[in-house]
N, C-alpha and C. Protein backbone atom coordinates (compact mmCIF):
# COMPACT_ATOMS: atom_id res chain seq x y z
N UNK A 1 16.48 -86.97 -93.20
CA UNK A 1 14.99 -87.98 -92.76
C UNK A 1 15.12 -87.70 -91.45
N UNK A 2 13.65 -88.04 -90.74
CA UNK A 2 12.81 -87.59 -90.01
C UNK A 2 12.86 -88.88 -88.57
N UNK A 3 13.31 -88.50 -87.90
CA UNK A 3 13.74 -89.57 -87.29
C UNK A 3 12.72 -89.48 -85.76
N UNK A 4 11.96 -90.66 -85.10
CA UNK A 4 11.51 -90.16 -84.04
C UNK A 4 11.98 -90.83 -82.55
N UNK A 5 11.95 -90.48 -81.77
CA UNK A 5 13.33 -90.95 -80.61
C UNK A 5 12.05 -91.06 -79.35
N UNK A 6 12.29 -92.01 -78.63
CA UNK A 6 11.22 -92.05 -77.21
C UNK A 6 11.73 -91.65 -75.52
N UNK A 7 12.49 -91.39 -74.47
CA UNK A 7 13.30 -91.16 -73.68
C UNK A 7 11.88 -91.54 -72.75
N UNK A 8 12.20 -92.69 -71.60
CA UNK A 8 11.84 -92.44 -70.14
C UNK A 8 12.07 -91.81 -69.54
N UNK A 9 12.07 -90.98 -68.87
CA UNK A 9 12.43 -90.55 -67.33
C UNK A 9 12.23 -91.07 -66.37
N UNK A 10 12.48 -91.57 -65.49
CA UNK A 10 11.73 -91.94 -64.17
C UNK A 10 12.13 -90.96 -62.97
N UNK A 11 11.42 -90.68 -62.36
CA UNK A 11 11.87 -89.91 -60.73
C UNK A 11 11.39 -90.56 -59.76
N UNK A 12 11.87 -90.66 -58.64
CA UNK A 12 11.42 -91.76 -57.96
C UNK A 12 11.83 -91.34 -56.94
N UNK A 13 11.79 -91.79 -54.93
CA UNK A 13 12.30 -91.83 -54.01
C UNK A 13 12.84 -92.72 -53.22
N UNK A 14 11.68 -93.83 -53.80
CA UNK A 14 12.20 -95.09 -54.08
C UNK A 14 13.17 -95.83 -53.89
N UNK A 15 13.31 -96.59 -52.90
CA UNK A 15 15.28 -97.31 -53.49
C UNK A 15 15.35 -98.27 -54.65
N UNK A 16 13.89 -98.63 -55.10
CA UNK A 16 14.24 -99.47 -56.03
C UNK A 16 13.03 -98.55 -57.53
N UNK A 17 14.35 -98.10 -57.91
CA UNK A 17 13.47 -97.23 -59.01
C UNK A 17 13.36 -97.52 -60.21
N UNK A 18 13.00 -98.63 -60.93
CA UNK A 18 12.88 -99.11 -61.94
C UNK A 18 11.44 -99.77 -61.49
N UNK A 19 11.49 -99.55 -60.63
CA UNK A 19 9.56 -100.52 -60.51
C UNK A 19 8.84 -99.01 -60.13
N UNK A 20 7.41 -99.54 -61.00
CA UNK A 20 7.15 -98.48 -61.23
C UNK A 20 5.35 -98.71 -60.14
N UNK A 21 5.63 -98.01 -58.96
CA UNK A 21 4.96 -98.00 -57.99
C UNK A 21 4.22 -96.54 -57.71
N UNK A 22 3.07 -96.69 -56.95
CA UNK A 22 2.51 -95.19 -56.88
C UNK A 22 3.12 -94.38 -55.91
N UNK A 23 3.36 -93.07 -56.30
CA UNK A 23 3.99 -92.01 -56.25
C UNK A 23 5.65 -91.81 -57.18
N UNK A 24 5.90 -92.50 -58.06
CA UNK A 24 6.66 -92.59 -58.99
C UNK A 24 6.17 -91.53 -59.85
N UNK A 25 6.66 -90.97 -60.55
CA UNK A 25 6.28 -90.14 -61.63
C UNK A 25 7.27 -91.08 -63.18
N UNK A 26 6.94 -90.69 -64.36
CA UNK A 26 6.97 -91.08 -65.13
C UNK A 26 6.72 -90.24 -66.72
N UNK A 27 7.81 -89.61 -67.10
CA UNK A 27 7.46 -88.73 -68.15
C UNK A 27 7.82 -89.35 -69.07
N UNK A 28 7.05 -89.37 -70.38
CA UNK A 28 7.78 -89.84 -71.87
C UNK A 28 7.89 -88.50 -72.66
N UNK A 29 9.00 -88.35 -73.03
CA UNK A 29 9.71 -87.28 -73.85
C UNK A 29 9.50 -87.82 -75.22
N UNK A 30 8.41 -87.81 -76.26
CA UNK A 30 8.87 -87.58 -77.74
C UNK A 30 9.78 -86.75 -78.37
N UNK A 31 10.56 -86.83 -79.57
CA UNK A 31 11.45 -85.54 -79.35
C UNK A 31 11.73 -86.23 -80.98
N UNK A 32 11.17 -85.53 -81.85
CA UNK A 32 11.77 -85.51 -84.13
C UNK A 32 12.84 -84.87 -83.21
N UNK A 33 13.80 -85.20 -84.10
CA UNK A 33 15.02 -84.99 -84.61
C UNK A 33 15.12 -85.32 -86.08
N UNK A 34 15.35 -83.92 -86.41
CA UNK A 34 15.99 -83.65 -87.65
C UNK A 34 17.54 -83.95 -87.56
N UNK A 35 18.28 -82.78 -87.58
CA UNK A 35 19.58 -82.51 -87.68
C UNK A 35 20.08 -81.53 -86.09
N UNK A 36 19.10 -82.03 -85.39
CA UNK A 36 19.40 -81.18 -84.34
C UNK A 36 20.83 -81.48 -83.28
N UNK A 37 21.44 -80.73 -83.36
CA UNK A 37 22.60 -80.61 -82.82
C UNK A 37 22.96 -79.90 -81.32
N UNK A 38 21.72 -79.28 -81.15
CA UNK A 38 21.74 -78.52 -80.03
C UNK A 38 20.07 -78.35 -79.35
N UNK A 39 19.67 -77.55 -77.92
CA UNK A 39 18.99 -78.14 -77.95
C UNK A 39 17.84 -76.26 -78.11
N UNK A 40 18.98 -75.63 -77.88
CA UNK A 40 18.54 -73.70 -77.99
C UNK A 40 18.91 -73.05 -79.36
N UNK A 41 19.91 -73.77 -79.93
CA UNK A 41 20.18 -73.00 -81.25
C UNK A 41 20.65 -73.91 -82.57
N UNK A 42 19.93 -73.90 -83.65
CA UNK A 42 21.07 -75.13 -84.69
C UNK A 42 21.52 -74.00 -85.62
N UNK A 43 22.28 -74.28 -86.41
CA UNK A 43 22.88 -73.72 -87.70
C UNK A 43 22.44 -74.71 -89.26
N UNK A 44 21.40 -73.52 -90.08
CA UNK A 44 21.37 -74.29 -90.94
C UNK A 44 21.62 -73.61 -91.96
N UNK A 45 21.11 -73.43 -93.53
CA UNK A 45 21.58 -72.94 -94.77
C UNK A 45 20.03 -73.09 -95.27
N UNK A 46 19.69 -71.59 -95.81
CA UNK A 46 18.70 -71.12 -97.01
C UNK A 46 19.33 -71.29 -98.58
N UNK A 47 18.80 -71.77 -99.31
CA UNK A 47 20.10 -71.83 -100.41
C UNK A 47 18.52 -70.79 -102.09
N UNK A 48 18.87 -69.78 -102.55
CA UNK A 48 18.27 -69.38 -102.92
C UNK A 48 19.14 -69.41 -104.89
N UNK A 49 18.08 -70.58 -105.74
CA UNK A 49 18.35 -71.17 -106.66
C UNK A 49 17.50 -70.06 -107.67
N UNK A 50 18.64 -69.58 -109.07
CA UNK A 50 17.83 -68.74 -109.70
C UNK A 50 18.20 -69.76 -111.23
N UNK A 51 17.25 -69.36 -112.11
CA UNK A 51 17.75 -69.93 -113.47
C UNK A 51 16.39 -68.91 -114.39
N UNK A 52 17.22 -68.22 -115.70
CA UNK A 52 16.71 -67.48 -116.42
C UNK A 52 16.07 -66.74 -115.71
N UNK A 53 16.68 -65.79 -114.85
CA UNK A 53 15.76 -64.50 -113.74
C UNK A 53 14.63 -64.91 -113.38
N UNK A 54 14.58 -66.11 -113.13
CA UNK A 54 13.38 -66.91 -111.79
C UNK A 54 14.16 -67.33 -110.89
N UNK A 55 13.30 -67.43 -109.78
CA UNK A 55 13.92 -67.35 -108.54
C UNK A 55 13.30 -69.17 -108.39
N UNK A 56 13.55 -69.64 -107.54
CA UNK A 56 12.93 -70.79 -107.17
C UNK A 56 12.20 -70.61 -105.59
N UNK A 57 10.80 -71.02 -105.27
CA UNK A 57 10.19 -70.54 -103.35
C UNK A 57 9.82 -71.99 -103.78
N UNK A 58 9.66 -72.36 -102.57
CA UNK A 58 9.48 -73.45 -101.97
C UNK A 58 8.65 -73.69 -100.83
N UNK A 59 7.02 -73.89 -100.38
CA UNK A 59 6.04 -73.59 -99.51
C UNK A 59 6.92 -74.61 -98.74
N UNK A 60 7.01 -74.38 -97.41
CA UNK A 60 7.49 -75.45 -96.23
C UNK A 60 6.59 -75.68 -95.61
N UNK A 61 6.56 -77.10 -96.03
CA UNK A 61 4.90 -78.09 -95.72
C UNK A 61 4.88 -77.93 -94.10
N UNK A 62 5.63 -77.96 -93.14
CA UNK A 62 5.27 -77.62 -91.74
C UNK A 62 4.85 -76.28 -91.38
N UNK A 63 5.46 -74.88 -92.11
CA UNK A 63 5.36 -73.79 -91.31
C UNK A 63 4.20 -73.15 -92.67
N UNK A 64 3.84 -73.97 -93.30
CA UNK A 64 2.96 -72.75 -94.59
C UNK A 64 3.29 -71.72 -94.82
N UNK A 65 4.69 -70.95 -95.33
CA UNK A 65 5.38 -69.96 -95.63
C UNK A 65 6.16 -70.47 -96.40
N UNK A 66 6.29 -69.21 -98.01
CA UNK A 66 7.46 -70.04 -98.87
C UNK A 66 8.63 -69.71 -98.28
N UNK A 67 9.77 -70.57 -98.84
CA UNK A 67 11.02 -69.84 -98.59
C UNK A 67 11.76 -70.94 -99.72
N UNK A 68 13.15 -71.03 -99.65
CA UNK A 68 13.73 -71.48 -100.60
C UNK A 68 14.78 -72.62 -99.72
N UNK A 69 14.88 -73.22 -100.73
CA UNK A 69 15.34 -74.35 -100.79
C UNK A 69 16.52 -74.70 -98.76
N UNK A 70 16.30 -75.40 -98.13
CA UNK A 70 17.26 -75.18 -96.73
C UNK A 70 16.63 -76.39 -95.58
N UNK A 71 17.52 -76.20 -94.69
CA UNK A 71 17.50 -77.19 -93.72
C UNK A 71 19.12 -77.26 -92.80
N UNK A 72 18.51 -78.08 -91.81
CA UNK A 72 19.75 -78.23 -91.14
C UNK A 72 21.36 -78.61 -91.61
N UNK A 73 22.12 -78.14 -90.93
CA UNK A 73 24.00 -78.58 -91.65
C UNK A 73 23.93 -79.78 -90.97
N UNK A 74 24.23 -80.90 -91.20
CA UNK A 74 24.44 -81.89 -90.55
C UNK A 74 25.96 -82.34 -89.95
N UNK A 75 25.75 -83.07 -89.70
CA UNK A 75 27.76 -83.39 -88.98
C UNK A 75 28.42 -84.01 -90.03
N UNK A 76 29.51 -83.02 -89.94
CA UNK A 76 30.61 -83.27 -91.14
C UNK A 76 30.43 -83.32 -92.27
N UNK A 77 29.89 -81.92 -92.68
CA UNK A 77 29.70 -81.30 -93.70
C UNK A 77 29.57 -79.54 -93.52
N UNK A 78 30.38 -78.79 -94.65
CA UNK A 78 30.68 -77.42 -94.04
C UNK A 78 29.49 -76.57 -94.87
N UNK A 79 29.16 -75.52 -94.40
CA UNK A 79 28.63 -74.83 -95.08
C UNK A 79 27.73 -75.29 -96.45
N UNK A 80 28.71 -75.03 -97.29
CA UNK A 80 28.67 -75.53 -98.90
C UNK A 80 28.34 -76.59 -99.13
N UNK A 81 28.42 -77.82 -98.65
CA UNK A 81 27.97 -78.82 -98.59
C UNK A 81 26.91 -78.99 -98.11
N UNK A 82 26.27 -78.56 -97.08
CA UNK A 82 24.64 -78.23 -96.52
C UNK A 82 23.69 -77.68 -97.83
N UNK A 83 24.53 -76.64 -98.05
CA UNK A 83 23.98 -75.54 -98.96
C UNK A 83 23.53 -76.66 -100.69
N UNK A 84 23.92 -76.98 -101.04
CA UNK A 84 24.34 -77.68 -102.30
C UNK A 84 23.45 -79.47 -102.12
N UNK A 85 23.44 -80.06 -101.51
CA UNK A 85 23.08 -80.85 -100.32
C UNK A 85 21.06 -80.58 -100.39
N UNK A 86 20.98 -79.63 -99.69
CA UNK A 86 19.24 -79.70 -99.29
C UNK A 86 18.78 -79.13 -100.37
N UNK A 87 19.08 -78.58 -101.39
CA UNK A 87 18.52 -78.71 -102.94
C UNK A 87 18.32 -79.34 -103.47
N UNK A 88 19.51 -80.35 -103.18
CA UNK A 88 19.56 -81.71 -104.54
C UNK A 88 18.90 -82.96 -103.29
N UNK A 89 18.27 -82.54 -102.25
CA UNK A 89 17.40 -83.26 -101.40
C UNK A 89 15.77 -82.64 -101.24
N UNK A 90 15.63 -81.78 -101.29
CA UNK A 90 14.41 -80.67 -101.34
C UNK A 90 13.79 -80.70 -102.85
N UNK A 91 14.77 -80.35 -103.38
CA UNK A 91 13.83 -80.18 -105.14
C UNK A 91 14.65 -80.59 -106.53
N UNK A 92 15.89 -81.58 -105.80
CA UNK A 92 16.61 -82.45 -106.85
C UNK A 92 16.99 -81.45 -107.97
N UNK A 93 17.56 -80.67 -108.15
CA UNK A 93 18.86 -79.70 -108.30
C UNK A 93 19.84 -79.79 -108.02
N UNK A 94 20.56 -79.80 -109.10
CA UNK A 94 22.40 -79.56 -108.66
C UNK A 94 22.64 -77.93 -108.83
N UNK A 95 23.35 -77.45 -108.07
CA UNK A 95 23.64 -75.89 -108.45
C UNK A 95 24.95 -75.66 -108.45
N UNK A 96 25.11 -74.63 -108.79
CA UNK A 96 26.10 -73.92 -108.61
C UNK A 96 25.71 -72.66 -107.36
N UNK A 97 27.01 -72.51 -106.33
CA UNK A 97 26.92 -71.47 -105.62
C UNK A 97 27.49 -70.15 -106.22
N UNK A 98 26.64 -69.03 -105.99
CA UNK A 98 27.28 -67.86 -106.29
C UNK A 98 27.35 -66.94 -105.36
N UNK A 99 28.70 -66.71 -105.17
CA UNK A 99 29.57 -65.38 -103.98
C UNK A 99 28.98 -64.05 -103.95
N UNK A 100 28.95 -63.48 -103.21
CA UNK A 100 28.71 -62.14 -103.16
C UNK A 100 29.67 -61.45 -104.14
N UNK A 101 29.14 -60.77 -104.28
CA UNK A 101 30.10 -59.45 -105.72
C UNK A 101 31.68 -59.43 -104.52
N UNK A 102 32.70 -59.47 -105.24
CA UNK A 102 33.41 -58.74 -104.60
C UNK A 102 34.55 -59.91 -104.12
N UNK A 103 34.18 -61.51 -104.14
CA UNK A 103 34.57 -62.10 -103.50
C UNK A 103 35.51 -62.56 -104.23
N UNK A 104 36.99 -63.61 -103.67
CA UNK A 104 37.39 -64.00 -104.59
C UNK A 104 38.05 -65.44 -104.02
N UNK A 105 38.12 -65.94 -104.30
CA UNK A 105 38.52 -67.68 -104.12
C UNK A 105 39.78 -67.28 -104.63
N UNK A 106 40.28 -67.89 -102.95
CA UNK A 106 42.01 -67.99 -102.34
C UNK A 106 42.12 -69.24 -101.97
N UNK A 107 42.15 -70.04 -102.58
CA UNK A 107 42.94 -71.41 -102.06
C UNK A 107 44.37 -71.32 -101.71
N UNK A 108 44.86 -72.19 -100.40
CA UNK A 108 45.89 -72.05 -100.34
C UNK A 108 46.33 -73.52 -100.26
N UNK A 109 47.62 -73.73 -99.55
CA UNK A 109 47.91 -75.47 -99.24
C UNK A 109 46.68 -76.12 -98.09
N UNK A 110 47.34 -74.90 -97.60
CA UNK A 110 46.76 -75.06 -95.71
C UNK A 110 44.69 -75.02 -95.82
N UNK A 111 44.57 -74.06 -96.93
CA UNK A 111 43.51 -73.24 -96.37
C UNK A 111 42.43 -73.76 -98.01
N UNK A 112 40.97 -73.80 -97.95
CA UNK A 112 40.18 -74.10 -99.07
C UNK A 112 39.17 -73.06 -98.41
N UNK A 113 38.87 -72.22 -99.64
CA UNK A 113 37.97 -70.54 -99.70
C UNK A 113 36.73 -71.96 -99.74
N UNK A 114 35.90 -71.62 -98.74
CA UNK A 114 34.30 -71.40 -99.08
C UNK A 114 33.55 -70.30 -99.83
N UNK A 115 32.83 -71.08 -100.19
CA UNK A 115 31.91 -69.41 -101.00
C UNK A 115 31.33 -68.92 -99.34
N UNK A 116 31.23 -67.77 -99.58
CA UNK A 116 30.34 -66.65 -98.16
C UNK A 116 28.98 -66.87 -98.23
N UNK A 117 27.70 -66.95 -97.49
CA UNK A 117 26.59 -66.76 -97.82
C UNK A 117 26.15 -64.88 -98.02
N UNK A 118 25.86 -64.78 -98.62
CA UNK A 118 24.91 -63.38 -98.53
C UNK A 118 24.34 -62.99 -97.67
N UNK A 119 23.88 -63.51 -96.43
CA UNK A 119 23.34 -62.96 -95.59
C UNK A 119 23.11 -64.25 -94.50
N UNK A 120 23.33 -63.48 -92.87
CA UNK A 120 23.48 -64.01 -92.29
C UNK A 120 22.48 -64.32 -91.25
N UNK A 121 21.50 -64.40 -90.85
CA UNK A 121 20.67 -64.60 -90.04
C UNK A 121 20.05 -65.41 -88.45
N UNK A 122 19.25 -65.02 -87.56
CA UNK A 122 19.17 -66.24 -86.76
C UNK A 122 17.12 -65.42 -86.31
N UNK A 123 16.62 -66.61 -86.28
CA UNK A 123 15.06 -66.57 -86.08
C UNK A 123 14.73 -67.54 -85.10
N UNK A 124 13.60 -67.09 -84.39
CA UNK A 124 12.65 -68.48 -83.26
C UNK A 124 12.23 -68.97 -84.13
N UNK A 125 11.85 -70.36 -83.65
CA UNK A 125 11.12 -71.85 -84.03
C UNK A 125 10.41 -71.91 -83.65
N UNK A 126 10.21 -71.83 -82.11
CA UNK A 126 8.93 -71.75 -81.00
C UNK A 126 9.84 -71.66 -79.46
N UNK A 127 9.15 -71.97 -78.65
CA UNK A 127 9.81 -70.83 -77.30
C UNK A 127 10.98 -71.17 -76.83
N UNK A 128 11.76 -72.27 -77.15
CA UNK A 128 12.95 -72.52 -76.57
C UNK A 128 14.34 -72.24 -77.97
N UNK A 129 13.79 -72.58 -79.19
CA UNK A 129 14.28 -73.15 -80.09
C UNK A 129 14.44 -71.98 -81.16
N UNK A 130 15.83 -71.88 -82.02
CA UNK A 130 15.87 -71.03 -82.85
C UNK A 130 16.98 -71.92 -83.78
N UNK A 131 17.04 -70.97 -85.01
CA UNK A 131 17.94 -71.32 -85.59
C UNK A 131 18.76 -70.19 -86.37
N UNK A 132 19.89 -69.78 -86.36
CA UNK A 132 21.21 -69.17 -87.15
C UNK A 132 21.13 -69.74 -88.30
N UNK A 133 20.87 -68.99 -89.63
CA UNK A 133 20.83 -69.16 -91.27
C UNK A 133 21.83 -68.81 -91.77
N UNK A 134 22.44 -69.36 -92.14
CA UNK A 134 23.38 -69.14 -93.46
C UNK A 134 22.19 -69.25 -94.97
N UNK A 135 22.28 -67.67 -95.86
CA UNK A 135 21.38 -67.65 -96.85
C UNK A 135 22.38 -68.14 -98.09
N UNK A 136 22.18 -68.26 -98.90
CA UNK A 136 23.17 -68.66 -99.89
C UNK A 136 22.45 -68.40 -101.58
N UNK A 137 22.92 -68.20 -102.13
CA UNK A 137 22.43 -67.93 -104.04
C UNK A 137 23.41 -68.50 -104.65
N UNK A 138 22.76 -69.67 -105.50
CA UNK A 138 22.80 -70.38 -106.71
C UNK A 138 22.17 -70.28 -107.88
N UNK A 139 23.19 -70.54 -109.25
CA UNK A 139 22.51 -71.12 -110.53
C UNK A 139 21.83 -73.16 -110.55
N UNK A 140 21.11 -72.97 -111.18
CA UNK A 140 20.77 -73.97 -111.67
C UNK A 140 20.33 -74.36 -113.63
N UNK A 141 21.10 -75.05 -113.91
CA UNK A 141 20.73 -75.40 -115.07
C UNK A 141 19.12 -75.92 -116.03
N UNK A 142 18.60 -76.20 -114.47
CA UNK A 142 17.56 -76.75 -115.17
C UNK A 142 16.36 -76.31 -113.92
N UNK A 143 14.89 -76.61 -114.64
CA UNK A 143 14.08 -75.77 -113.82
C UNK A 143 12.74 -77.13 -113.12
N UNK A 144 13.92 -78.33 -113.22
CA UNK A 144 12.62 -79.29 -112.98
C UNK A 144 12.79 -79.89 -111.91
N UNK A 145 11.48 -79.70 -111.47
CA UNK A 145 11.68 -80.44 -109.85
C UNK A 145 11.50 -81.52 -109.51
N UNK A 146 12.40 -82.40 -109.21
CA UNK A 146 12.04 -83.62 -108.43
C UNK A 146 12.66 -84.24 -107.48
N UNK A 147 12.22 -84.17 -106.48
CA UNK A 147 12.57 -84.26 -104.51
C UNK A 147 13.57 -85.43 -104.87
N UNK A 148 14.76 -85.71 -103.94
CA UNK A 148 15.42 -87.00 -103.82
C UNK A 148 15.60 -87.57 -102.99
N UNK A 149 14.60 -86.74 -101.64
CA UNK A 149 14.79 -87.64 -100.32
C UNK A 149 13.55 -88.17 -99.93
N UNK A 150 13.33 -89.42 -99.64
CA UNK A 150 12.03 -89.54 -99.20
C UNK A 150 10.93 -88.86 -98.52
N UNK A 151 11.34 -88.14 -97.47
CA UNK A 151 10.93 -86.68 -96.63
C UNK A 151 10.08 -86.29 -97.77
N UNK A 152 11.11 -85.13 -98.92
CA UNK A 152 10.42 -84.61 -99.97
C UNK A 152 10.03 -84.69 -100.80
N UNK A 153 9.88 -86.43 -101.24
CA UNK A 153 8.88 -86.78 -101.74
C UNK A 153 7.53 -86.78 -101.66
N UNK A 154 7.15 -87.80 -100.56
CA UNK A 154 6.30 -87.83 -99.55
C UNK A 154 5.30 -85.90 -99.31
N UNK A 155 6.10 -84.82 -98.61
CA UNK A 155 5.25 -84.19 -98.37
C UNK A 155 5.01 -82.90 -99.73
N UNK A 156 5.09 -83.39 -100.97
CA UNK A 156 5.11 -83.07 -101.78
C UNK A 156 5.10 -81.67 -102.08
N UNK A 157 5.42 -80.38 -101.18
CA UNK A 157 5.94 -79.12 -101.08
C UNK A 157 5.56 -78.36 -102.74
N UNK A 158 4.47 -77.76 -102.40
CA UNK A 158 4.58 -76.91 -103.82
C UNK A 158 5.69 -75.40 -104.16
N UNK A 159 5.87 -76.52 -105.15
CA UNK A 159 7.68 -75.29 -106.16
C UNK A 159 7.25 -74.34 -107.07
N UNK A 160 7.65 -72.30 -107.32
CA UNK A 160 7.33 -71.86 -108.28
C UNK A 160 8.62 -71.68 -108.71
N UNK A 161 8.48 -71.10 -109.65
CA UNK A 161 9.62 -70.10 -109.93
C UNK A 161 9.28 -68.75 -110.52
N UNK A 162 10.04 -67.38 -110.06
CA UNK A 162 9.05 -66.53 -110.03
C UNK A 162 10.23 -64.85 -110.68
N UNK A 163 9.57 -64.75 -111.36
CA UNK A 163 10.15 -63.70 -112.31
C UNK A 163 9.98 -62.30 -110.72
N UNK A 164 11.52 -61.21 -111.15
CA UNK A 164 10.96 -59.94 -110.24
C UNK A 164 9.33 -59.40 -110.51
N UNK A 165 8.61 -59.49 -111.11
CA UNK A 165 7.28 -59.04 -110.97
C UNK A 165 6.84 -60.37 -110.82
N UNK A 166 6.92 -61.02 -110.71
CA UNK A 166 5.95 -62.00 -110.51
C UNK A 166 6.21 -62.17 -108.70
N UNK A 167 7.20 -61.88 -108.15
CA UNK A 167 7.70 -61.24 -106.78
C UNK A 167 7.41 -60.30 -106.33
N UNK A 168 7.30 -59.52 -106.98
CA UNK A 168 6.57 -58.43 -106.26
C UNK A 168 4.98 -58.31 -106.29
N UNK A 169 4.18 -58.81 -107.69
CA UNK A 169 3.03 -59.27 -106.98
C UNK A 169 2.62 -59.91 -105.96
N UNK A 170 3.59 -60.94 -105.80
CA UNK A 170 3.71 -62.13 -104.69
C UNK A 170 3.96 -61.62 -103.78
N UNK A 171 4.62 -60.36 -102.98
CA UNK A 171 5.23 -59.45 -101.74
C UNK A 171 3.78 -58.89 -101.54
N UNK A 172 3.12 -58.57 -102.31
CA UNK A 172 1.49 -57.37 -102.32
C UNK A 172 0.58 -58.38 -102.23
N UNK A 173 0.72 -59.33 -102.80
CA UNK A 173 -0.72 -59.94 -102.17
C UNK A 173 -0.94 -61.54 -101.69
N UNK A 174 0.20 -62.41 -101.30
CA UNK A 174 0.54 -63.61 -100.80
C UNK A 174 0.93 -63.43 -99.50
N UNK A 175 0.31 -63.52 -98.06
CA UNK A 175 0.79 -63.62 -96.92
C UNK A 175 1.93 -64.25 -96.69
N UNK A 176 1.89 -65.80 -97.13
CA UNK A 176 2.63 -66.67 -97.26
C UNK A 176 4.11 -66.20 -98.02
N UNK A 177 4.44 -64.98 -97.98
CA UNK A 177 5.45 -64.90 -98.56
C UNK A 177 6.55 -63.48 -97.26
N UNK A 178 7.02 -64.03 -96.65
CA UNK A 178 7.43 -63.24 -95.26
C UNK A 178 8.18 -62.32 -95.68
N UNK A 179 8.54 -61.02 -94.76
CA UNK A 179 9.12 -60.09 -96.01
C UNK A 179 11.02 -60.47 -96.07
N UNK A 180 11.59 -61.18 -95.06
CA UNK A 180 12.89 -61.61 -95.61
C UNK A 180 13.39 -62.78 -96.79
N UNK A 181 12.51 -63.19 -96.44
CA UNK A 181 12.10 -64.57 -97.60
C UNK A 181 12.14 -63.57 -98.90
N UNK A 182 11.37 -62.55 -99.20
CA UNK A 182 10.89 -61.44 -100.81
C UNK A 182 12.71 -60.32 -100.29
N UNK A 183 13.02 -60.38 -99.23
CA UNK A 183 14.02 -59.74 -99.76
C UNK A 183 15.18 -60.29 -100.37
N UNK A 184 15.47 -62.07 -99.84
CA UNK A 184 16.60 -62.50 -99.99
C UNK A 184 16.31 -63.05 -101.61
N UNK A 185 15.70 -63.36 -102.07
CA UNK A 185 14.70 -63.81 -102.93
C UNK A 185 14.92 -62.42 -104.49
N UNK A 186 14.91 -61.25 -104.15
CA UNK A 186 14.88 -59.74 -105.20
C UNK A 186 16.26 -59.60 -104.64
N UNK A 187 17.23 -59.94 -103.58
CA UNK A 187 18.61 -59.36 -103.64
C UNK A 187 18.98 -60.77 -104.89
N UNK A 188 18.93 -61.80 -104.60
CA UNK A 188 19.22 -62.93 -105.82
C UNK A 188 18.90 -62.87 -106.64
N UNK A 189 17.82 -62.18 -107.60
CA UNK A 189 17.52 -62.25 -108.84
C UNK A 189 18.02 -61.04 -108.92
N UNK A 190 18.27 -59.89 -108.21
CA UNK A 190 18.97 -58.71 -108.95
C UNK A 190 20.67 -59.03 -108.85
N UNK A 191 21.46 -59.92 -108.67
CA UNK A 191 22.37 -60.57 -108.64
C UNK A 191 23.29 -60.96 -109.81
N UNK A 192 22.27 -62.46 -110.01
CA UNK A 192 22.60 -62.71 -110.70
C UNK A 192 21.47 -62.78 -112.23
N UNK A 193 20.04 -62.69 -112.26
CA UNK A 193 19.89 -62.22 -112.98
C UNK A 193 20.07 -63.43 -114.33
N UNK A 194 19.87 -63.71 -115.32
CA UNK A 194 19.58 -64.92 -116.18
C UNK A 194 21.40 -65.65 -116.51
N UNK A 195 22.43 -65.35 -115.32
CA UNK A 195 23.19 -65.91 -115.53
C UNK A 195 22.83 -67.47 -115.13
N UNK A 196 23.65 -68.22 -116.12
CA UNK A 196 23.55 -70.03 -116.14
C UNK A 196 24.08 -70.43 -116.66
């Protein structure tokens, strides 16, 4: 959920710093806060969901490019929880994360193994802020898109299920499909295929 916070900073050389007098500078900073834990870098997740040889792409409502469901990792959740939560909130699908080939879960009394991401990247959001994203693959038993969060219900971001030939066609003809999204989606399709 997006929350708008407002802070007022007063810089003054007067003894009464609470009074707004000539020569007093007032700065109002409005900050959109999602799950920004850090000013310069946030940890995020993207989850490429596959169902019956098709991968789900969602048109990002703010940046207007195709991507997987995803977002910021919230406080007190691990990466696997964040990956599943973002998919559920944004498109209403319950998913099972698919590990990279060769990974074996080996929980112990002390340690619970988490499904590792298939890719990790770092990308710039604006001049001062970056995201480091863990890219997961998952399967869903359904293709029914039904956003759960109020923000995602209101945004009505278009979603499409695309097969490998359709993804290749988008890669050639749709400038909103960035290369990294294309290669992650293709890797998910090639690894998972019709496993459901």
